[in-house]
Amino acid sequence: MSDTSPEPVETPSETGVEIDVLQWLDEMGWETYGKDGGYGATVIDQQYDRDLSEVVYWEILKEQLIALNEKLDEREADRFLNSLQRELRTENLVAANEKFTQLLRNGKKHTYDDGETEYVTLVDFEELDENRWIAANQFRVHREKAIRPDVVCFVNGIPLVVWELKSATQGNTYQDAITDLVSYQDDVPRLFVPVLFNVAADDLEFRYGSVNAPAEHYYPWRDDDTDLGNDLKEAVVALFQKQVLADLLDRYVFYEEAAGGDLKIVPRYMQYYATEAILDRVEDPDNNSGLVWHTQGSGKSYTMVFAAWNLLERSFLDNPQVLLVVDTDKLRTQMENTLSNIEFPRFEVAESMDHLQELLEEGSSKLVLTTIQMFEDVDAEVQTNDETVVFVDEAHRYMEKDLGISLQAAIPDAQHFGFTGTPVREEERDTFDNYSPEGEETLHQYSIKDGIDDGVVLPVHFDVRQQEWEIDESALDEEFERSFADLDVEEKSEIIRKHVTRSELAELRPRVENVVLDIVDHYEEKVEPNGWKSMVVTPTRRAAALYGEELQKLRDPEDIEVLVTSQGDDEKLIQKFHTTKEQRESIVQRFKNPDEYEDDPKILVVCDMLLTGFDAPLLKTMYLDRNLKNHNLLQAIARTNRPADGKVNGEIVDYAGVFASGNIEDALEYDAETRNHAAKDVDELLDDFEDLLAETMNLFEEVEKVDSQEAVNNAVALANEHRAEFEDNYARLQDMYESIAPDKRLETRGLRDPYQWLNRIHLAYRRSQRDPDPEEDVREKTLEIIEENVDVGEIKNNTPIYKISEEHLEKVQDLEPKAKATEIAHATQDHLQGRRTTNPRYQRISQRVEQLVNDWRSGELEAPEVAEELEEAEKEALAVGEQRDELDMSETEYAVYSALTDSYDVADDEAAAIAADILDGFEEIDTGFDGWHMSDRVRKEIRQTVIRTLVGEHDRKDLYDKEGLVREIVEYLIRNEQAEPDESAPAGG
């Protein structure tokens, strides 16, 4: 036996994460409590006698106030603190937080006993080490409810950051921490009145979010220049530098008025570092420009706002004027709204060229918002303020053109900063040359890869669809020669060059029809079931109109919107889809906000519109039939990469060969990182799926993959043990699978079976997570009591059963009229009761019988007359069933046939063919689950099947245009499927 004692083994836990965080803060100069594993806040509580109902260490704050404010003595400090305590009231948390933030920034007004009034400093932003920076764990607060955040950071005794930490090794993640923080804010809002932001973290991930922020607005923080190989430590070391926290508190917080309630805006790390880089560059006497390249969706607008505010409010420039230049009235309006909503100080909107000239001549220290177009007639060298700084939004679009030259001429001595998500590098247009000093690529860059890593944008995958062309070359040559026999070779060649172009080919209707069929199949199979939407991008307005027309044949026309404009000399096809500015704005709103509208479009068809600046998280798939390149292609890709709940990636289905083998480098002439992360081949998505599937299956390596209760039980136990990783991996796998399937490689590479196995384990795992329903317990107990104490007697039915048949008609012949009428009425009504809504003929007969009975009861008809009429109705009802048998149709098929022949005058043979095809399509729809008939998805699929059959297969758009026919057929299909009549029953039985 060895004398050596085994090394102690400590199980990873939340406590370990707490201790590490406190240790890192300690190394950065914070005063820390609890890094020994104890309750650090309890130590300070005892030292300063804090009441657990208080959220501020008042004694610490009192000491600091006296130290920071020369005139404040102990007595005045007590008076001041009594006043300050009232600022912690929280009728509205964000409003209270805004007010307290202003106190921390600017101080609070205080009138001394001698009558003198001055602002008392709460935080010294000049000499940061004059403040006390304290971090303690397990800070307990008992007010309306009791909470205990894991770590709280204080400045001068005032809570500045509240942390909640989890350990993934215990099955919890930062998402669980966010949930806890939201609960803490509801339970004890007073704690969060002074707080700058909250932190939610686990062993592997760090997220921070402002007070009252929803979970999706908790972001990572990274250091531009440091890679420690540990995301959590890197975030703590970068963000909790005293200077960074002081900067954020003093110069980087806005409060925005919003429809759903006011929001607190705290910058993301790329916004902070880019702003700091701009401020440093402005102070650099050797350089007067720079390019900020931040990927689409990363918040460039707020970066400009943060930079402008810092330039105007900081003291290193005496009299700065900031110009914020955009290139459309729409963007100007959006930016104006943003500035107004955050109550940006000292800004003015240039309303005209003359107004802009006045503002430049005046040179006042303010932010001037203008469009580039307003510089067209502004005088050269109109600049009077030599401390003018220009921020150009979407700098790649126009600075190389005449308007850019006009801007440079008007303010030649200004400092220029360009902002773009898609810079241009071409011979005649180079965004880098326009803004970057020699030897510098960008002043600050936030790449697509950075955005994907941070979850700001999603990866995008492309799928190239090669279209086969069957060409009869000899017939083509012969026809060409016949048509143009009078032209020489050169003239014929010119015709080919002029008319046989990519755009012309894209407008061939047979090609469009084939592509549309593929689009509809892809959309209905992979996009629509998950609630996502799509966009079709075409090379010309005519192509857009063609796509719209063909799509509306196969889909509900309300699902399709074409966004083009037309001129008077355009052909009728284009004019048919013309939209006004107001109509387009309405379409966009309905597309982006389906919950607010009943008729939201599902697929947008565009040529040039919406390819830039259009953010719709529901847009998952772009069907690309246009040869886009470089910044135009990056802009288009970015339309699909906006995050949404449950969305894992965007998707480009390429019909134009943009991403075809060998073309990707030509299409995206950027650096390798940008090119590699802008869009990935769907094959790479399959590889990613295979890797993630293997990683997830490794969690169950010790489980035998057999059909047994024991195997499932063991797998569920492991799923619970690795809860966070399993749930995250499965959600990603599910979305990937839906993007890939059906693909035979799922089978050939052996991926389908393990994925299906995981599906079953996930289902069992979810059921294991369900807590017992207390109401269910009460319900079961109640039923037990009833069962034990109530005798249920025999079910009795005294209502006679009437059977309708030929024999029945013979049987009633000898009855007197009143009895005969009663007998037939009951029999016919009973026969039609379950059928009246399943076939238009039964419905008409039923209505006729009801009217006859009502007329008889009211005395308008006598019994003999009613009996005769009812007998005819009974015979007609029998004939319906007999004809169905003769035609050898099911009840469902016959209902559709009857609707077509009776109400819409369709010939019998054609009606039978249409009905059969509709039924074939209907039978492919999944109706094998409870409540299918109430599912909007199923009803839509049925409607699409009916439309596709009428219009696409039988070329009967006239029937589709008939008011109510499609709706009527849909209802007959659903009702007959629900009814499931006994096909073996005799006619009329």
Foldseek 3Di string as FASTA:
>chain_A
DDPDDDDDDDDDWQLVVLLVLQVLVVVLPAAEACNVPDFGQVVVCVVQVDDLQDLFSLVLQLVLLCVQDPVDDNVQSVVVVVVVVVLLDPPPQVVSLVVLLCCQQPACWGADPVGDIDGGHRADLPPRVSKHWYKGAQRWHDDQHIDTFGMFIDISRQTAETEHETELLQVDFLLVVVVVVVVCCVRCVSNQSNYQWYWGGYQAAIWIGHPPDDPVRTWFAADPPDDPVGRVSRRSNPCVNSNNSSCQSHQAWFWFDDPVGIDIDGDHNLLVVLLVLQVVQLVDPVAQFFEEAEAPQRCVLSSVVSNLRCVLPDPPDPFEEEEEEEADPVVLVVSVNRCVRRVPPAEDEQPALVSVLVCQLVSGRGYYYYYLVSLLPRDFCSHDDLNYEYEYEQQQPDLLHPSVVSVCRNHVNYRYYYYHNFADDDDSGGSQVVGPDPPDRGSGYQALVNCCVTVSWFFEAEEEDEDDDDDPVVVVVVVLCVVPVVDDPVVSVVCCVVQVDLQNVLLDLVVLLVVLVVVVVLCLQQQPVVPAAEEEEHADLNSLLSNLVNNVLLAVNLQEAEADADDPPDDVSSVVRHDDPVRVVVLLVLQQCVVVDPRHHRYYYYHPPPLAPRERQRHAEYEYQHQAAGSSVLSNLRNRTGHDVLARYHYYYYHNCCVPPPNLCVRHVDDPVNSPRSYHYLVVLVVVLVVLLVVLVVLLVVADLDPDPVSLVVLLVSCSSSVVSNVVSLSNNVSSCSNCPPDCVCVVVVNPVSNVSSVVSVVVNVVVPDDDDPVVVVVVVVVVVCVVPDDDDDDDDPDDAAAQDPVSLVVLPPPDLQVLLVNLLRRLCVLLVLPLLQAVQSVVLNVVSVVLVVCPVVPVDDRNVSSVVSSVSSVSQLVLLVVCVVVVHDSLLSRQLRCCCPPPPDDNVVSSVLSVQLVVQLVVQDPPDPPSLVDPSNLSSSLSSSSCSCCVVVNNVVQVPPPPSSVSSSSSNSSCVVSVDDPPDDRSD
